[in-house]
Amino acid sequence: MSGQFLDLAVAYLWPRDSRVGSVTSCAGHVEGVGLPSGPPGPPSWTPSHRSTLSTVLPLHPRGVAVHGIVALQCEEETGVNETASHRSRETGGAKSGASAAAVRSHYDIGNEFYRLLLDDSMTYSCAIWENGAETLESAQDRKLEYHIRSARAAGKPNVLDIGCGWGSLLKKLVNQHGCHRAVGLTLSEAQAEWVDRMRLPHVDVLVESWEDHSPHDAYDAIVSIAATAHFLRPDNSEAERIAVLRRFFSRCHEWLKGGGFLSLESIVYGTGHYTAQSPLSGVFPESDMPRLHELATGFDGLFEPESIVSHRHHYPPTLRCWLENLSRHRDDAVR
């Protein structure tokens, strides 16, 4: 089971001088994360693999992929509206996102495996680091708090987490921030089972896509952390990608109460493009990263950006911690 994660680590951390970034959008806020140079790849890898990685990620100085967070605020008074929801489902005909089977091929390989890979909170996205001496768990906690602040979610009656993973944000919302109800969406049966077993009060996890979600009540805040790559497919044209993202932001706009905030984190391309033979294509099948301008076109006129931040330099320590965890527990991981 560890093979795909070794591929992921190699793709991010090799060759030398590679830089990967991440963009997070929160109620109009976007941030990015990057990777410094990492260890050399396995001896069996050829220069052609290096070239492929440079194209897909892409790698510095030939290309850069950025990770970040965007904070966005609704432009006008909204709320759940059946007619508006019907209109948004008809906006653009592009097929959106990875299939449930493709998503589960990555996330449903076993919750026990992810316990070996991740920190105790089971947070599977880039952490936010303050210094090199802190633990992965404290850095992940800082990232979750960052999103809660950006979305103004603390103490709110009804909060949505799109792509909720193993429930670390949901748990924090109800146990530490007094949220009356927190709803999580995931396509992973294993993740939903994990959250259900925690028996968190006032938490509902639904195994469904954001496109199929139809809430009865409007949300006070929405958070989505590192899920957007699963909204797009490698065969989408740029126009189709924008249409899918437009549908996504339209739905979020409809679900939010007027003045509500959306906090969105995403890995995005800086330059380069999808390459089918890259390690990442096997790790996340049927998935592809957006570009920043595609995200911006998607929310234009629906949300007012509050902040766009690049935290790409926070990705290397996060990935190295995962790789160290996996190396330390290798025997258990490959059983």
Protein backbone atom coordinates (compact mmCIF):
# COMPACT_ATOMS: atom_id res chain seq x y z
CA MET A 1 0.00 0.00 0.00
CA SER A 2 2.90 2.38 0.50
CA GLY A 3 3.95 2.52 -3.14
CA GLN A 4 1.68 5.34 -4.23
CA PHE A 5 2.75 7.48 -1.29
CA LEU A 6 6.41 6.90 -2.04
CA ASP A 7 5.57 8.05 -5.57
CA LEU A 8 3.87 11.13 -4.13
CA ALA A 9 6.87 11.97 -1.97
CA VAL A 10 9.25 11.48 -4.87
CA ALA A 11 7.09 13.61 -7.16
CA TYR A 12 7.09 16.44 -4.64
CA LEU A 13 10.61 16.23 -3.29
CA TRP A 14 12.69 15.19 -6.31
CA PRO A 15 14.60 16.23 -8.38
CA ARG A 16 16.73 18.81 -6.62
CA ASP A 17 15.68 22.46 -6.84
CA SER A 18 12.04 21.43 -7.27
CA ARG A 19 9.40 23.79 -5.91
CA VAL A 20 5.75 22.87 -5.44
CA GLY A 21 3.16 25.33 -4.25
CA SER A 22 -0.35 25.38 -2.84
CA VAL A 23 -3.03 28.07 -2.97
CA THR A 24 -5.71 28.28 -0.32
CA SER A 25 -8.80 30.38 -0.80
CA CYS A 26 -10.76 31.50 2.21
CA ALA A 27 -13.64 33.88 1.88
CA GLY A 28 -11.55 35.52 -0.74
CA HIS A 29 -8.24 34.36 0.73
CA VAL A 30 -5.63 32.34 -1.19
CA GLU A 31 -2.35 31.04 0.12
CA GLY A 32 0.44 28.90 -1.28
CA VAL A 33 2.94 26.33 -0.16
CA GLY A 34 6.16 25.19 -1.80
CA LEU A 35 8.78 22.49 -1.59
CA PRO A 36 12.52 23.08 -1.45
CA SER A 37 15.03 20.63 -2.83
CA GLY A 38 14.54 17.04 -1.75
CA PRO A 39 16.31 13.70 -1.87
CA PRO A 40 17.26 12.16 -5.18
CA GLY A 41 14.84 9.74 -6.76
CA PRO A 42 15.18 5.96 -6.82
CA PRO A 43 18.11 4.72 -8.90
CA SER A 44 15.72 2.97 -11.30
CA TRP A 45 14.23 6.29 -12.41
CA THR A 46 15.57 7.64 -15.70
CA PRO A 47 16.07 11.26 -16.85
CA SER A 48 12.82 10.94 -18.79
CA HIS A 49 10.96 10.60 -15.49
CA ARG A 50 12.60 13.81 -14.33
CA SER A 51 11.35 15.53 -17.45
CA THR A 52 7.84 14.25 -16.86
CA LEU A 53 7.84 15.49 -13.28
CA SER A 54 9.09 18.87 -14.38
CA THR A 55 6.15 19.15 -16.74
CA VAL A 56 3.37 17.95 -14.46
CA LEU A 57 4.20 19.75 -11.24
CA PRO A 58 5.91 21.77 -12.78
CA LEU A 59 9.28 22.22 -11.13
CA HIS A 60 11.43 25.28 -10.50
CA PRO A 61 12.94 26.94 -12.46
CA ARG A 62 11.12 25.45 -15.44
CA GLY A 63 7.74 25.68 -13.77
CA VAL A 64 5.99 26.12 -10.44
CA ALA A 65 2.84 24.68 -8.90
CA VAL A 66 1.42 26.82 -6.13
CA HIS A 67 -0.55 25.88 -3.02
CA GLY A 68 -2.70 28.50 -1.34
CA ILE A 69 -5.82 29.66 0.51
CA VAL A 70 -8.50 32.10 -0.63
CA ALA A 71 -11.07 33.77 1.60
CA LEU A 72 -14.26 34.84 -0.18
CA GLN A 73 -17.37 36.68 0.96
CA CYS A 74 -20.80 36.47 -0.66
CA GLU A 75 -21.57 39.48 -2.86
CA GLU A 76 -25.26 39.60 -1.98
CA GLU A 77 -28.02 38.13 0.16
CA THR A 78 -28.50 34.48 -0.75
CA GLY A 79 -29.81 31.31 0.80
CA VAL A 80 -30.98 27.91 -0.36
CA ASN A 81 -33.12 28.42 -3.43
CA GLU A 82 -34.46 25.56 -5.52
CA THR A 83 -34.67 27.59 -8.72
CA ALA A 84 -31.15 28.95 -8.33
CA SER A 85 -29.81 25.47 -7.60
CA HIS A 86 -31.48 24.16 -10.75
CA ARG A 87 -29.87 26.96 -12.77
CA SER A 88 -26.40 26.22 -11.39
CA ARG A 89 -26.64 22.54 -12.27
CA GLU A 90 -27.28 23.58 -15.86
CA THR A 91 -24.34 26.02 -15.97
CA GLY A 92 -21.84 24.45 -18.33
CA GLY A 93 -21.98 20.88 -19.58
CA ALA A 94 -18.49 19.73 -18.57
CA LYS A 95 -18.22 16.50 -16.65
CA SER A 96 -16.84 17.46 -13.29
CA GLY A 97 -14.42 15.65 -11.11
CA ALA A 98 -13.09 12.22 -10.38
CA SER A 99 -15.57 9.38 -10.12
CA ALA A 100 -16.40 7.96 -6.71
CA ALA A 101 -14.47 4.82 -7.63
CA ALA A 102 -11.36 6.86 -8.50
CA VAL A 103 -11.55 8.81 -5.23
CA ARG A 104 -12.00 5.64 -3.20
CA SER A 105 -9.04 4.00 -4.91
CA HIS A 106 -6.89 6.52 -3.03
CA TYR A 107 -8.71 7.22 0.22
CA ASP A 108 -10.28 3.83 0.93
CA ILE A 109 -7.11 1.72 1.02
CA GLY A 110 -7.48 1.45 4.80
CA ASN A 111 -7.88 3.90 7.67
CA GLU A 112 -5.14 2.10 9.59
CA PHE A 113 -2.69 2.96 6.83
CA TYR A 114 -3.49 6.66 7.07
CA ARG A 115 -3.00 6.49 10.82
CA LEU A 116 0.59 5.50 10.08
CA LEU A 117 1.08 8.28 7.53
CA LEU A 118 -0.62 11.29 9.15
CA ASP A 119 -0.62 13.00 12.54
CA ASP A 120 -3.10 12.12 15.28
CA SER A 121 -5.68 14.53 13.93
CA MET A 122 -5.72 12.62 10.58
CA THR A 123 -5.38 15.88 8.63
CA TYR A 124 -4.35 15.12 5.04
CA SER A 125 -3.36 18.52 3.65
CA CYS A 126 -0.57 21.06 3.96
CA ALA A 127 0.14 22.31 7.49
CA ILE A 128 1.06 25.89 8.42
CA TRP A 129 4.41 26.05 10.21
CA GLU A 130 5.66 28.73 12.58
CA ASN A 131 9.11 27.28 13.30
CA GLY A 132 11.07 24.15 12.55
CA ALA A 133 10.87 22.80 16.09
CA GLU A 134 7.12 22.26 16.34
CA THR A 135 5.28 19.01 15.69
CA LEU A 136 3.24 18.16 12.63
CA GLU A 137 0.13 18.00 14.80
CA SER A 138 0.60 21.56 16.10
CA ALA A 139 1.22 22.84 12.57
CA GLN A 140 -1.93 21.12 11.33
CA ASP A 141 -3.89 22.58 14.22
CA ARG A 142 -2.68 26.05 13.20
CA LYS A 143 -3.90 25.43 9.64
CA LEU A 144 -7.37 24.35 10.82
CA GLU A 145 -7.63 27.41 13.06
CA TYR A 146 -6.59 29.56 10.11
CA HIS A 147 -9.52 28.30 8.03
CA ILE A 148 -11.98 28.69 10.88
CA ARG A 149 -10.92 32.32 11.32
CA SER A 150 -11.00 33.00 7.58
CA ALA A 151 -14.50 31.55 7.21
CA ARG A 152 -15.74 33.25 10.40
CA ALA A 153 -17.03 29.79 11.36
CA ALA A 154 -16.52 29.87 15.14
CA GLY A 155 -19.79 29.73 17.06
CA LYS A 156 -21.91 29.61 13.89
CA PRO A 157 -25.10 27.54 13.81
CA ASN A 158 -24.48 25.69 10.54
CA VAL A 159 -21.10 25.09 8.84
CA LEU A 160 -20.24 22.99 5.76
CA ASP A 161 -16.90 21.25 5.10
CA ILE A 162 -16.57 20.16 1.44
CA GLY A 163 -14.08 17.30 1.25
CA CYS A 164 -14.05 16.73 5.01
CA GLY A 165 -11.50 13.90 5.05
CA TRP A 166 -11.29 12.14 8.40
CA GLY A 167 -13.13 14.94 10.18
CA SER A 168 -10.40 16.97 11.87
CA LEU A 169 -12.06 20.29 11.02
CA LEU A 170 -15.54 19.03 11.92
CA LYS A 171 -14.27 17.85 15.29
CA LYS A 172 -12.63 21.19 16.04
CA LEU A 173 -15.74 23.14 15.01
CA VAL A 174 -18.09 21.37 17.41
CA ASN A 175 -15.71 20.52 20.27
CA GLN A 176 -13.69 23.74 20.47
CA HIS A 177 -15.59 26.47 18.63
CA GLY A 178 -19.19 25.97 19.69
CA CYS A 179 -20.73 25.32 16.29
CA HIS A 180 -24.27 24.03 16.61
CA ARG A 181 -24.05 21.82 13.51
CA ALA A 182 -21.21 20.84 11.17
CA VAL A 183 -21.82 18.97 7.92
CA GLY A 184 -19.08 17.16 6.02
CA LEU A 185 -19.12 15.95 2.42
CA THR A 186 -16.88 13.13 1.18
CA LEU A 187 -16.96 10.44 -1.49
CA SER A 188 -14.93 8.11 0.73
CA GLU A 189 -16.85 5.44 2.61
CA ALA A 190 -13.80 4.82 4.81
CA GLN A 191 -13.56 8.47 5.83
CA ALA A 192 -17.27 8.62 6.65
CA GLU A 193 -16.97 5.48 8.74
CA TRP A 194 -14.01 6.96 10.64
CA VAL A 195 -15.94 10.13 11.48
CA ASP A 196 -19.05 8.18 12.47
CA ARG A 197 -17.02 6.11 14.90
CA MET A 198 -15.85 9.28 16.67
CA ARG A 199 -19.52 9.92 17.59
CA LEU A 200 -19.07 13.67 17.43
CA PRO A 201 -22.09 15.65 18.64
CA HIS A 202 -23.85 17.81 16.05
CA VAL A 203 -21.81 16.40 13.14
CA ASP A 204 -23.32 14.89 9.99
CA VAL A 205 -21.13 13.30 7.31
CA LEU A 206 -22.70 12.66 3.93
CA VAL A 207 -21.16 10.37 1.31
CA GLU A 208 -21.99 12.51 -1.69
CA SER A 209 -20.52 14.97 -4.16
CA TRP A 210 -20.94 18.71 -3.80
CA GLU A 211 -22.93 18.56 -7.05
CA ASP A 212 -25.49 16.26 -5.43
CA HIS A 213 -25.70 18.14 -2.15
CA SER A 214 -29.07 19.78 -1.48
CA PRO A 215 -29.23 21.28 2.03
CA HIS A 216 -32.52 22.18 3.69
CA ASP A 217 -31.03 25.15 5.52
CA ALA A 218 -28.53 27.78 4.44
CA TYR A 219 -24.98 27.63 5.83
CA ASP A 220 -23.33 30.34 7.88
CA ALA A 221 -19.83 29.41 6.64
CA ILE A 222 -18.20 26.99 4.20
CA VAL A 223 -14.69 25.51 4.24
CA SER A 224 -13.06 23.34 1.57
CA ILE A 225 -9.48 22.16 2.13
CA ALA A 226 -7.45 20.58 -0.68
CA ALA A 227 -10.45 19.09 -2.52
CA THR A 228 -10.52 21.10 -5.76
CA ALA A 229 -8.14 18.78 -7.62
CA HIS A 230 -10.91 16.17 -7.49
CA PHE A 231 -13.40 18.60 -9.07
CA LEU A 232 -11.53 18.66 -12.39
CA ARG A 233 -10.57 15.94 -14.85
CA PRO A 234 -7.40 15.79 -16.96
CA ASP A 235 -9.44 15.74 -20.18
CA ASN A 236 -11.33 18.97 -19.36
CA SER A 237 -10.58 21.88 -21.67
CA GLU A 238 -9.89 25.26 -20.06
CA ALA A 239 -13.47 26.34 -20.82
CA GLU A 240 -14.80 23.16 -19.23
CA ARG A 241 -12.59 23.60 -16.19
CA ILE A 242 -13.86 27.13 -15.67
CA ALA A 243 -17.46 25.94 -16.17
CA VAL A 244 -17.02 23.28 -13.47
CA LEU A 245 -15.48 25.76 -11.04
CA ARG A 246 -18.22 28.26 -11.84
CA ARG A 247 -20.80 25.62 -10.93
CA PHE A 248 -18.98 24.90 -7.69
CA PHE A 249 -18.79 28.54 -6.60
CA SER A 250 -22.40 29.11 -7.70
CA ARG A 251 -23.54 26.29 -5.46
CA CYS A 252 -21.51 27.63 -2.53
CA HIS A 253 -23.00 31.08 -3.15
CA GLU A 254 -26.53 29.64 -3.07
CA TRP A 255 -25.92 27.66 0.10
CA LEU A 256 -24.40 30.53 2.09
CA LYS A 257 -26.34 33.13 4.00
CA GLY A 258 -25.75 36.66 2.77
CA GLY A 259 -22.38 37.97 3.89
CA GLY A 260 -21.15 34.46 4.67
CA PHE A 261 -17.56 33.40 3.99
CA LEU A 262 -16.00 30.55 2.04
CA SER A 263 -12.47 29.43 2.94
CA LEU A 264 -10.91 27.43 0.12
CA GLU A 265 -7.52 25.73 -0.02
CA SER A 266 -6.16 24.35 -3.27
CA ILE A 267 -3.01 23.21 -5.01
CA VAL A 268 -2.83 25.03 -8.34
CA TYR A 269 -0.58 25.05 -11.38
CA GLY A 270 1.87 27.87 -11.81
CA THR A 271 3.06 26.69 -15.22
CA GLY A 272 3.13 23.35 -17.00
CA HIS A 273 0.28 20.90 -17.52
CA TYR A 274 -1.03 17.45 -16.67
CA THR A 275 1.13 14.51 -17.74
CA ALA A 276 -0.52 11.09 -17.78
CA GLN A 277 2.68 9.16 -17.02
CA SER A 278 3.61 11.14 -13.91
CA PRO A 279 3.51 9.56 -10.42
CA LEU A 280 0.79 12.00 -9.37
CA SER A 281 -1.56 10.74 -12.09
CA GLY A 282 -1.45 7.31 -10.46
CA VAL A 283 -1.85 8.68 -6.93
CA PHE A 284 -4.92 10.78 -7.81
CA PRO A 285 -6.62 9.20 -10.84
CA GLU A 286 -9.13 11.21 -12.87
CA SER A 287 -8.05 14.39 -11.05
CA ASP A 288 -6.23 17.56 -12.05
CA MET A 289 -5.22 20.85 -10.44
CA PRO A 290 -6.77 24.20 -11.37
CA ARG A 291 -4.91 27.37 -12.26
CA LEU A 292 -5.36 30.51 -10.21
CA HIS A 293 -7.05 32.42 -13.02
CA GLU A 294 -9.54 29.56 -13.42
CA LEU A 295 -10.47 29.79 -9.75
CA ALA A 296 -10.76 33.57 -10.00
CA THR A 297 -13.02 33.35 -13.05
CA GLY A 298 -15.08 30.78 -11.21
CA PHE A 299 -15.89 33.03 -8.25
CA ASP A 300 -15.93 36.38 -10.09
CA GLY A 301 -19.16 38.24 -9.36
CA LEU A 302 -20.24 35.65 -6.78
CA PHE A 303 -17.71 36.27 -4.03
CA GLU A 304 -15.56 39.22 -3.08
CA PRO A 305 -11.97 38.11 -2.43
CA GLU A 306 -10.79 39.12 0.99
CA SER A 307 -7.27 37.73 0.82
CA ILE A 308 -5.07 35.59 -1.41
CA VAL A 309 -2.03 34.11 0.31
CA SER A 310 0.76 31.81 -0.86
CA HIS A 311 2.02 29.32 1.72
CA ARG A 312 3.98 27.13 -0.65
CA HIS A 313 7.04 26.98 1.60
CA HIS A 314 4.97 25.16 4.22
CA TYR A 315 4.58 22.09 2.02
CA PRO A 316 8.14 20.68 2.29
CA PRO A 317 8.09 20.15 6.08
CA THR A 318 4.59 18.67 5.86
CA LEU A 319 5.57 16.16 3.19
CA ARG A 320 8.80 15.30 4.95
CA CYS A 321 6.88 14.51 8.13
CA TRP A 322 4.58 12.20 6.18
CA LEU A 323 7.55 10.51 4.54
CA GLU A 324 9.27 10.10 7.91
CA ASN A 325 6.09 8.60 9.38
CA LEU A 326 5.78 6.19 6.49
CA SER A 327 9.46 5.20 6.68
CA ARG A 328 9.20 4.65 10.43
CA HIS A 329 6.13 2.43 10.03
CA ARG A 330 7.08 0.80 6.75
CA ASP A 331 6.74 -2.78 7.98
CA ASP A 332 3.22 -2.14 9.25
CA ALA A 333 2.28 -0.17 6.12
CA VAL A 334 3.17 -2.92 3.65
CA ARG A 335 1.62 -5.82 5.55
